[in-house]
C-alpha atoms as a PDB file:
ATOM      1  CA  MET A   1     -42.919   7.635-208.382  1.00  0.00           C
ATOM      2  CA  THR A   2     -40.829   9.075-205.554  1.00  0.00           C
ATOM      3  CA  PHE A   3     -37.436   7.492-205.149  1.00  0.00           C
ATOM      4  CA  SER A   4     -36.855   6.236-201.599  1.00  0.00           C
ATOM      5  CA  LEU A   5     -33.262   5.766-200.526  1.00  0.00           C
ATOM      6  CA  ARG A   6     -34.449   4.135-197.331  1.00  0.00           C
ATOM      7  CA  ALA A   7     -36.270   1.506-199.380  1.00  0.00           C
ATOM      8  CA  GLN A   8     -33.084   0.788-201.343  1.00  0.00           C
ATOM      9  CA  PHE A   9     -31.490  -0.629-198.192  1.00  0.00           C
ATOM     10  CA  ASP A  10     -34.450  -2.839-197.331  1.00  0.00           C
ATOM     11  CA  LEU A  11     -33.523  -6.540-197.594  1.00  0.00           C
ATOM     12  CA  THR A  12     -36.848  -7.974-196.488  1.00  0.00           C
ATOM     13  CA  GLY A  13     -37.485 -11.318-198.176  1.00  0.00           C
ATOM     14  CA  ARG A  14     -33.927 -11.716-199.416  1.00  0.00           C
ATOM     15  CA  VAL A  15     -31.540 -14.491-198.470  1.00  0.00           C
ATOM     16  CA  ALA A  16     -27.808 -14.170-197.934  1.00  0.00           C
ATOM     17  CA  LEU A  17     -25.304 -17.002-197.706  1.00  0.00           C
ATOM     18  CA  ILE A  18     -22.321 -15.945-195.597  1.00  0.00           C
ATOM     19  CA  THR A  19     -19.180 -18.087-195.359  1.00  0.00           C
ATOM     20  CA  GLY A  20     -16.759 -17.677-192.469  1.00  0.00           C
ATOM     21  CA  ALA A  21     -19.835 -16.761-190.459  1.00  0.00           C
ATOM     22  CA  ALA A  22     -18.191 -17.469-187.093  1.00  0.00           C
ATOM     23  CA  ASN A  23     -14.909 -15.639-187.697  1.00  0.00           C
ATOM     24  CA  ILE A  24     -14.071 -12.098-186.580  1.00  0.00           C
ATOM     25  CA  LEU A  25     -16.210 -10.265-189.123  1.00  0.00           C
ATOM     26  CA  GLY A  26     -18.772 -12.881-190.155  1.00  0.00           C
ATOM     27  CA  PRO A  27     -21.167 -12.109-187.275  1.00  0.00           C
ATOM     28  CA  GLU A  28     -20.955  -8.398-188.125  1.00  0.00           C
ATOM     29  CA  PHE A  29     -21.924  -9.037-191.723  1.00  0.00           C
ATOM     30  CA  ALA A  30     -24.789 -11.230-190.530  1.00  0.00           C
ATOM     31  CA  ALA A  31     -26.006  -8.573-188.101  1.00  0.00           C
ATOM     32  CA  ALA A  32     -25.916  -5.853-190.762  1.00  0.00           C
ATOM     33  CA  LEU A  33     -28.083  -7.808-193.182  1.00  0.00           C
ATOM     34  CA  ALA A  34     -30.394  -9.207-190.516  1.00  0.00           C
ATOM     35  CA  GLU A  35     -31.147  -5.732-189.169  1.00  0.00           C
ATOM     36  CA  PHE A  36     -32.477  -4.779-192.598  1.00  0.00           C
ATOM     37  CA  GLY A  37     -34.617  -7.871-192.991  1.00  0.00           C
ATOM     38  CA  ALA A  38     -32.502 -10.508-194.719  1.00  0.00           C
ATOM     39  CA  ARG A  39     -32.762 -14.201-193.921  1.00  0.00           C
ATOM     40  CA  LEU A  40     -29.393 -15.856-193.440  1.00  0.00           C
ATOM     41  CA  ALA A  41     -27.640 -19.092-194.300  1.00  0.00           C
ATOM     42  CA  LEU A  42     -24.523 -19.003-192.144  1.00  0.00           C
ATOM     43  CA  LEU A  43     -21.662 -21.315-193.044  1.00  0.00           C
ATOM     44  CA  ASP A  44     -18.517 -22.125-191.098  1.00  0.00           C
ATOM     45  CA  ILE A  45     -16.277 -25.128-190.527  1.00  0.00           C
ATOM     46  CA  ARG A  46     -16.840 -24.772-186.765  1.00  0.00           C
ATOM     47  CA  SER A  47     -20.298 -26.175-186.216  1.00  0.00           C
ATOM     48  CA  ASP A  48     -20.893 -25.106-182.602  1.00  0.00           C
ATOM     49  CA  ALA A  49     -19.642 -21.566-183.186  1.00  0.00           C
ATOM     50  CA  CYS A  50     -21.744 -21.193-186.314  1.00  0.00           C
ATOM     51  CA  GLN A  51     -24.863 -22.416-184.546  1.00  0.00           C
ATOM     52  CA  GLU A  52     -24.245 -19.911-181.752  1.00  0.00           C
ATOM     53  CA  VAL A  53     -23.953 -17.035-184.227  1.00  0.00           C
ATOM     54  CA  ALA A  54     -27.172 -18.179-185.908  1.00  0.00           C
ATOM     55  CA  ARG A  55     -28.926 -18.345-182.540  1.00  0.00           C
ATOM     56  CA  GLN A  56     -27.771 -14.879-181.478  1.00  0.00           C
ATOM     57  CA  ILE A  57     -28.733 -13.284-184.774  1.00  0.00           C
ATOM     58  CA  HIS A  58     -32.184 -14.883-184.665  1.00  0.00           C
ATOM     59  CA  GLU A  59     -32.776 -13.814-181.062  1.00  0.00           C
ATOM     60  CA  THR A  60     -31.583 -10.252-181.684  1.00  0.00           C
ATOM     61  CA  TYR A  61     -33.246  -9.508-185.014  1.00  0.00           C
ATOM     62  CA  GLY A  62     -35.988 -12.136-185.267  1.00  0.00           C
ATOM     63  CA  THR A  63     -34.934 -13.164-188.734  1.00  0.00           C
ATOM     64  CA  GLN A  64     -34.750 -16.757-189.967  1.00  0.00           C
ATOM     65  CA  THR A  65     -31.262 -18.252-189.793  1.00  0.00           C
ATOM     66  CA  LEU A  66     -29.739 -21.556-190.840  1.00  0.00           C
ATOM     67  CA  ALA A  67     -26.355 -22.808-189.594  1.00  0.00           C
ATOM     68  CA  LEU A  68     -24.359 -24.843-192.101  1.00  0.00           C
ATOM     69  CA  THR A  69     -21.129 -26.735-191.468  1.00  0.00           C
ATOM     70  CA  ALA A  70     -18.680 -27.112-194.334  1.00  0.00           C
ATOM     71  CA  ASP A  71     -15.038 -26.745-195.290  1.00  0.00           C
ATOM     72  CA  VAL A  72     -15.102 -24.272-198.172  1.00  0.00           C
ATOM     73  CA  GLY A  73     -12.033 -25.988-199.621  1.00  0.00           C
ATOM     74  CA  GLU A  74     -13.943 -29.240-200.180  1.00  0.00           C
ATOM     75  CA  GLU A  75     -16.151 -29.046-203.249  1.00  0.00           C
ATOM     76  CA  SER A  76     -18.597 -31.771-202.254  1.00  0.00           C
ATOM     77  CA  ALA A  77     -19.172 -30.081-198.886  1.00  0.00           C
ATOM     78  CA  VAL A  78     -19.744 -26.715-200.553  1.00  0.00           C
ATOM     79  CA  ALA A  79     -22.183 -28.209-203.057  1.00  0.00           C
ATOM     80  CA  ALA A  80     -24.129 -29.898-200.243  1.00  0.00           C
ATOM     81  CA  ALA A  81     -24.260 -26.705-198.161  1.00  0.00           C
ATOM     82  CA  VAL A  82     -25.535 -24.609-201.078  1.00  0.00           C
ATOM     83  CA  ALA A  83     -28.154 -27.252-201.857  1.00  0.00           C
ATOM     84  CA  LYS A  84     -29.296 -27.258-198.239  1.00  0.00           C
ATOM     85  CA  ALA A  85     -29.570 -23.474-198.171  1.00  0.00           C
ATOM     86  CA  LEU A  86     -31.647 -23.496-201.339  1.00  0.00           C
ATOM     87  CA  SER A  87     -33.833 -26.285-200.028  1.00  0.00           C
ATOM     88  CA  ASN A  88     -34.443 -24.394-196.800  1.00  0.00           C
ATOM     89  CA  PHE A  89     -35.017 -20.888-198.192  1.00  0.00           C
ATOM     90  CA  GLY A  90     -35.878 -21.513-201.835  1.00  0.00           C
ATOM     91  CA  ARG A  91     -33.519 -18.799-203.000  1.00  0.00           C
ATOM     92  CA  ILE A  92     -30.160 -17.095-202.480  1.00  0.00           C
ATOM     93  CA  ASP A  93     -29.840 -13.405-203.351  1.00  0.00           C
ATOM     94  CA  VAL A  94     -26.456 -12.526-201.901  1.00  0.00           C
ATOM     95  CA  LEU A  95     -23.274 -14.561-201.485  1.00  0.00           C
ATOM     96  CA  ILE A  96     -20.707 -13.156-199.054  1.00  0.00           C
ATOM     97  CA  ASN A  97     -17.384 -14.985-199.297  1.00  0.00           C
ATOM     98  CA  ALA A  98     -15.691 -14.234-195.986  1.00  0.00           C
ATOM     99  CA  ALA A  99     -14.018 -17.537-195.011  1.00  0.00           C
ATOM    100  CA  ALA A 100     -10.304 -17.388-194.222  1.00  0.00           C
ATOM    101  CA  THR A 101      -7.868 -19.437-192.181  1.00  0.00           C
ATOM    102  CA  LYS A 102      -4.542 -19.534-190.351  1.00  0.00           C
ATOM    103  CA  THR A 103      -2.299 -22.573-189.938  1.00  0.00           C
ATOM    104  CA  PRO A 104      -0.136 -23.494-186.910  1.00  0.00           C
ATOM    105  CA  ASP A 105       2.938 -22.238-188.784  1.00  0.00           C
ATOM    106  CA  TYR A 106       1.144 -19.271-190.312  1.00  0.00           C
ATOM    107  CA  PHE A 107       3.712 -16.710-189.146  1.00  0.00           C
ATOM    108  CA  LYS A 108       6.822 -18.512-190.357  1.00  0.00           C
ATOM    109  CA  PRO A 109       9.137 -16.320-192.469  1.00  0.00           C
ATOM    110  CA  LEU A 110       9.190 -16.782-196.235  1.00  0.00           C
ATOM    111  CA  GLY A 111      12.341 -18.899-196.264  1.00  0.00           C
ATOM    112  CA  GLU A 112      10.798 -21.357-193.803  1.00  0.00           C
ATOM    113  CA  TYR A 113       7.253 -21.386-195.164  1.00  0.00           C
ATOM    114  CA  SER A 114       6.073 -24.866-196.072  1.00  0.00           C
ATOM    115  CA  LEU A 115       4.180 -25.692-199.239  1.00  0.00           C
ATOM    116  CA  GLN A 116       1.604 -27.459-197.097  1.00  0.00           C
ATOM    117  CA  ASP A 117       0.817 -24.290-195.149  1.00  0.00           C
ATOM    118  CA  TRP A 118       0.786 -22.231-198.334  1.00  0.00           C
ATOM    119  CA  ASN A 119      -1.671 -24.593-200.017  1.00  0.00           C
ATOM    120  CA  GLN A 120      -3.926 -24.838-196.977  1.00  0.00           C
ATOM    121  CA  VAL A 121      -4.304 -21.077-196.601  1.00  0.00           C
ATOM    122  CA  MET A 122      -4.701 -20.514-200.330  1.00  0.00           C
ATOM    123  CA  THR A 123      -7.349 -23.240-200.504  1.00  0.00           C
ATOM    124  CA  VAL A 124      -9.565 -21.598-197.910  1.00  0.00           C
ATOM    125  CA  ASN A 125      -8.852 -17.922-198.656  1.00  0.00           C
ATOM    126  CA  LEU A 126      -9.136 -18.059-202.440  1.00  0.00           C
ATOM    127  CA  THR A 127     -10.134 -21.473-203.791  1.00  0.00           C
ATOM    128  CA  GLY A 128     -13.038 -21.505-201.324  1.00  0.00           C
ATOM    129  CA  MET A 129     -14.404 -18.338-202.942  1.00  0.00           C
ATOM    130  CA  PHE A 130     -14.187 -19.978-206.337  1.00  0.00           C
ATOM    131  CA  LEU A 131     -16.029 -23.090-205.126  1.00  0.00           C
ATOM    132  CA  CYS A 132     -18.786 -21.204-203.324  1.00  0.00           C
ATOM    133  CA  THR A 133     -19.297 -18.910-206.291  1.00  0.00           C
ATOM    134  CA  LYS A 134     -19.275 -21.864-208.700  1.00  0.00           C
ATOM    135  CA  HIS A 135     -22.044 -23.675-206.855  1.00  0.00           C
ATOM    136  CA  VAL A 136     -24.253 -20.635-206.220  1.00  0.00           C
ATOM    137  CA  LEU A 137     -23.814 -19.362-209.768  1.00  0.00           C
ATOM    138  CA  PRO A 138     -26.297 -21.706-211.514  1.00  0.00           C
ATOM    139  CA  HIS A 139     -29.026 -20.449-209.176  1.00  0.00           C
ATOM    140  CA  PHE A 140     -28.105 -16.835-209.883  1.00  0.00           C
ATOM    141  CA  VAL A 141     -28.096 -17.465-213.628  1.00  0.00           C
ATOM    142  CA  SER A 142     -31.463 -19.227-213.531  1.00  0.00           C
ATOM    143  CA  ARG A 143     -32.993 -16.276-211.701  1.00  0.00           C
ATOM    144  CA  GLY A 144     -31.298 -13.696-213.901  1.00  0.00           C
ATOM    145  CA  GLN A 145     -29.786 -11.855-210.944  1.00  0.00           C
ATOM    146  CA  GLY A 146     -27.317 -12.255-208.098  1.00  0.00           C
ATOM    147  CA  ASN A 147     -24.936 -10.403-205.860  1.00  0.00           C
ATOM    148  CA  ILE A 148     -21.445 -11.561-204.836  1.00  0.00           C
ATOM    149  CA  ILE A 149     -19.417  -9.834-202.131  1.00  0.00           C
ATOM    150  CA  ASN A 150     -15.858 -11.018-201.531  1.00  0.00           C
ATOM    151  CA  VAL A 151     -13.798 -10.043-198.492  1.00  0.00           C
ATOM    152  CA  ALA A 152     -10.176  -9.115-199.163  1.00  0.00           C
ATOM    153  CA  SER A 153      -7.628  -7.090-197.158  1.00  0.00           C
ATOM    154  CA  ILE A 154      -5.496  -3.997-197.541  1.00  0.00           C
ATOM    155  CA  TYR A 155      -2.582  -6.423-198.020  1.00  0.00           C
ATOM    156  CA  GLY A 156      -4.271  -7.509-201.211  1.00  0.00           C
ATOM    157  CA  VAL A 157      -3.881  -3.907-202.391  1.00  0.00           C
ATOM    158  CA  VAL A 158      -0.613  -2.674-200.862  1.00  0.00           C
ATOM    159  CA  GLY A 159       2.426  -4.302-199.289  1.00  0.00           C
ATOM    160  CA  PRO A 160       2.669  -4.722-195.507  1.00  0.00           C
ATOM    161  CA  ASP A 161       4.654  -2.313-193.367  1.00  0.00           C
ATOM    162  CA  PRO A 162       7.044  -4.559-191.358  1.00  0.00           C
ATOM    163  CA  ARG A 163       7.627  -1.790-188.800  1.00  0.00           C
ATOM    164  CA  ILE A 164       4.193  -2.234-187.221  1.00  0.00           C
ATOM    165  CA  TYR A 165       5.058  -5.794-186.179  1.00  0.00           C
ATOM    166  CA  GLU A 166       8.181  -4.925-184.213  1.00  0.00           C
ATOM    167  CA  GLY A 167       7.770  -6.111-180.637  1.00  0.00           C
ATOM    168  CA  SER A 168       4.637  -8.166-181.340  1.00  0.00           C
ATOM    169  CA  TRP A 169       4.619 -11.923-180.690  1.00  0.00           C
ATOM    170  CA  TYR A 170       2.177 -14.821-180.773  1.00  0.00           C
ATOM    171  CA  LEU A 171       3.029 -18.117-179.012  1.00  0.00           C
ATOM    172  CA  ASN A 172       6.760 -17.311-178.953  1.00  0.00           C
ATOM    173  CA  GLU A 173       6.707 -16.436-182.640  1.00  0.00           C
ATOM    174  CA  ARG A 174       7.028 -12.974-184.070  1.00  0.00           C
ATOM    175  CA  ILE A 175       3.865 -12.085-185.956  1.00  0.00           C
ATOM    176  CA  ASN A 176       3.876 -10.716-189.466  1.00  0.00           C
ATOM    177  CA  THR A 177       1.833 -10.761-192.636  1.00  0.00           C
ATOM    178  CA  PRO A 178       2.833 -13.979-194.410  1.00  0.00           C
ATOM    179  CA  PRO A 179       3.241 -14.007-198.191  1.00  0.00           C
ATOM    180  CA  VAL A 180       0.362 -16.424-198.680  1.00  0.00           C
ATOM    181  CA  TYR A 181      -2.045 -13.964-197.048  1.00  0.00           C
ATOM    182  CA  ALA A 182      -1.050 -11.157-199.386  1.00  0.00           C
ATOM    183  CA  ALA A 183      -1.128 -13.448-202.417  1.00  0.00           C
ATOM    184  CA  SER A 184      -4.537 -14.888-201.565  1.00  0.00           C
ATOM    185  CA  LYS A 185      -6.122 -11.516-200.838  1.00  0.00           C
ATOM    186  CA  GLY A 186      -4.663 -10.001-203.983  1.00  0.00           C
ATOM    187  CA  GLY A 187      -6.241 -12.897-205.811  1.00  0.00           C
ATOM    188  CA  VAL A 188      -9.581 -12.091-204.186  1.00  0.00           C
ATOM    189  CA  VAL A 189      -9.516  -8.571-205.611  1.00  0.00           C
ATOM    190  CA  SER A 190      -8.649  -9.816-209.103  1.00  0.00           C
ATOM    191  CA  LEU A 191     -11.221 -12.618-208.962  1.00  0.00           C
ATOM    192  CA  THR A 192     -13.862 -10.061-208.018  1.00  0.00           C
ATOM    193  CA  ARG A 193     -13.084  -7.925-211.060  1.00  0.00           C
ATOM    194  CA  TYR A 194     -13.178 -10.997-213.284  1.00  0.00           C
ATOM    195  CA  LEU A 195     -16.567 -12.013-211.946  1.00  0.00           C
ATOM    196  CA  ALA A 196     -17.907  -8.471-212.317  1.00  0.00           C
ATOM    197  CA  THR A 197     -17.097  -8.135-215.995  1.00  0.00           C
ATOM    198  CA  THR A 198     -17.929 -11.667-217.090  1.00  0.00           C
ATOM    199  CA  LEU A 199     -21.165 -12.075-215.126  1.00  0.00           C
ATOM    200  CA  ALA A 200     -22.637  -8.627-215.772  1.00  0.00           C
ATOM    201  CA  PRO A 201     -24.578  -9.848-218.852  1.00  0.00           C
ATOM    202  CA  GLN A 202     -26.454 -12.220-216.495  1.00  0.00           C
ATOM    203  CA  HIS A 203     -27.264  -9.278-214.192  1.00  0.00           C
ATOM    204  CA  ILE A 204     -24.944 -10.625-211.496  1.00  0.00           C
ATOM    205  CA  ARG A 205     -22.897  -8.089-209.583  1.00  0.00           C
ATOM    206  CA  ALA A 206     -19.573  -8.775-207.864  1.00  0.00           C
ATOM    207  CA  ASN A 207     -17.817  -6.433-205.473  1.00  0.00           C
ATOM    208  CA  CYS A 208     -15.124  -6.589-202.837  1.00  0.00           C
ATOM    209  CA  VAL A 209     -14.805  -5.266-199.285  1.00  0.00           C
ATOM    210  CA  THR A 210     -11.268  -4.592-198.136  1.00  0.00           C
ATOM    211  CA  PRO A 211     -10.948  -4.059-194.370  1.00  0.00           C
ATOM    212  CA  GLY A 212      -7.948  -2.459-192.777  1.00  0.00           C
ATOM    213  CA  GLY A 213      -6.786  -3.612-189.356  1.00  0.00           C
ATOM    214  CA  VAL A 214      -9.686  -4.555-187.090  1.00  0.00           C
ATOM    215  CA  SER A 215      -9.346  -4.525-183.319  1.00  0.00           C
ATOM    216  CA  SER A 216      -9.581  -8.130-182.151  1.00  0.00           C
ATOM    217  CA  GLY A 217      -7.430  -8.525-179.056  1.00  0.00           C
ATOM    218  CA  GLN A 218      -4.033  -7.630-180.511  1.00  0.00           C
ATOM    219  CA  ASN A 219      -1.313  -6.736-178.026  1.00  0.00           C
ATOM    220  CA  GLU A 220      -0.786  -3.119-176.999  1.00  0.00           C
ATOM    221  CA  THR A 221       2.471  -2.716-178.905  1.00  0.00           C
ATOM    222  CA  PHE A 222       0.883  -3.769-182.174  1.00  0.00           C
ATOM    223  CA  VAL A 223      -2.190  -1.576-181.647  1.00  0.00           C
ATOM    224  CA  GLU A 224      -0.023   1.478-180.964  1.00  0.00           C
ATOM    225  CA  ARG A 225       2.214   0.917-183.972  1.00  0.00           C
ATOM    226  CA  TYR A 226      -0.668   0.153-186.297  1.00  0.00           C
ATOM    227  CA  SER A 227      -2.718   3.130-185.115  1.00  0.00           C
ATOM    228  CA  ALA A 228       0.220   5.470-185.681  1.00  0.00           C
ATOM    229  CA  ARG A 229       0.257   4.360-189.321  1.00  0.00           C
ATOM    230  CA  VAL A 230      -3.451   5.156-189.890  1.00  0.00           C
ATOM    231  CA  PRO A 231      -4.632   8.699-190.728  1.00  0.00           C
ATOM    232  CA  LEU A 232      -7.631   8.302-188.408  1.00  0.00           C
ATOM    233  CA  GLY A 233      -5.238   7.209-185.668  1.00  0.00           C
ATOM    234  CA  ARG A 234      -6.814   3.925-184.619  1.00  0.00           C
ATOM    235  CA  MET A 235      -7.804   0.427-185.666  1.00  0.00           C
ATOM    236  CA  ALA A 236     -11.325  -0.291-186.860  1.00  0.00           C
ATOM    237  CA  ARG A 237     -14.079  -1.511-184.602  1.00  0.00           C
ATOM    238  CA  ARG A 238     -15.702  -4.669-185.929  1.00  0.00           C
ATOM    239  CA  GLU A 239     -19.099  -3.089-186.351  1.00  0.00           C
ATOM    240  CA  GLU A 240     -17.618  -0.407-188.613  1.00  0.00           C
ATOM    241  CA  LEU A 241     -17.572  -2.954-191.448  1.00  0.00           C
ATOM    242  CA  ARG A 242     -21.335  -3.384-191.330  1.00  0.00           C
ATOM    243  CA  GLY A 243     -22.220  -0.332-193.397  1.00  0.00           C
ATOM    244  CA  ALA A 244     -19.964  -1.266-196.301  1.00  0.00           C
ATOM    245  CA  VAL A 245     -21.421  -4.766-196.565  1.00  0.00           C
ATOM    246  CA  LEU A 246     -25.004  -3.534-196.225  1.00  0.00           C
ATOM    247  CA  PHE A 247     -24.435  -1.030-199.035  1.00  0.00           C
ATOM    248  CA  LEU A 248     -23.034  -3.654-201.401  1.00  0.00           C
ATOM    249  CA  ALA A 249     -25.711  -6.205-200.488  1.00  0.00           C
ATOM    250  CA  SER A 250     -28.586  -3.806-201.095  1.00  0.00           C
ATOM    251  CA  ASP A 251     -30.164  -2.057-204.056  1.00  0.00           C
ATOM    252  CA  ALA A 252     -28.433   1.123-202.921  1.00  0.00           C
ATOM    253  CA  SER A 253     -25.420  -0.206-204.857  1.00  0.00           C
ATOM    254  CA  SER A 254     -27.408  -1.444-207.866  1.00  0.00           C
ATOM    255  CA  TYR A 255     -25.061   0.330-210.310  1.00  0.00           C
ATOM    256  CA  VAL A 256     -21.875  -0.752-208.523  1.00  0.00           C
ATOM    257  CA  THR A 257     -19.925  -3.776-209.727  1.00  0.00           C
ATOM    258  CA  GLY A 258     -16.228  -4.625-209.918  1.00  0.00           C
ATOM    259  CA  HIS A 259     -15.553  -2.205-207.071  1.00  0.00           C
ATOM    260  CA  ASN A 260     -13.181  -2.690-204.149  1.00  0.00           C
ATOM    261  CA  LEU A 261     -14.636  -0.798-201.187  1.00  0.00           C
ATOM    262  CA  VAL A 262     -11.687  -0.083-198.888  1.00  0.00           C
ATOM    263  CA  VAL A 263     -12.497   0.482-195.204  1.00  0.00           C
ATOM    264  CA  ASP A 264      -9.095   1.227-193.694  1.00  0.00           C
ATOM    265  CA  GLY A 265      -9.181   4.537-191.846  1.00  0.00           C
ATOM    266  CA  GLY A 266      -7.161   6.085-194.652  1.00  0.00           C
ATOM    267  CA  TRP A 267      -4.216   3.645-194.582  1.00  0.00           C
ATOM    268  CA  THR A 268      -4.037   3.335-198.375  1.00  0.00           C
ATOM    269  CA  ALA A 269      -4.476   7.088-198.896  1.00  0.00           C
ATOM    270  CA  TRP A 270      -0.908   7.897-197.821  1.00  0.00           C
END
């Protein structure tokens, strides 16, 4: 039988559950999978925004979508959302953990960072991945297959460069990469490797996507400083993350697990 690489990317009939579906990258992940035939359960804490993403994806690609509202840090809400997705579609093939959050005091320096803010960010960025994986896992195990894709960050791999933040402010506060962001995203990478090695006997794959800086309305000073630090000389466009997620979600990556796919314009190659 002739091997078809094109067929390896076909997601027709499959179902993906995407958390953080209404954030910066969630709609891009949804669009990538929808274009190749996947049906989508889209989850976000912001109900109206999530419903709008679901509507746009359905209108653009014609695929079936379901908008779910849940706080990924609340286990009962996660369990209910997973149950609803399974009831609606009858299956989940791919789980994309992309939910993340910022608090009002997110950019406070380390010496002024409150435990409350730390716990809130860690709960969504990392504990939420644990809870979503925990409640999808029994379905994956029962089917004897599953695919988990976690979204991390280059600051889960390398330390931030403070020089790129010089001259950049948000609401009268100097922006930075707070310690909780780095800690949570580093945890995402390690959790992914743990899941990959321990779940492989059940034919469940787990991989990680690590984006570099994505253009999303940052001020000119930040964009210039960040771009100067990147070998390709610019920030990423949102849609440039689609290919990485499609690859990991499809059979084209059937022999890939425990991998951290870095999409950073060469930042970590220096």
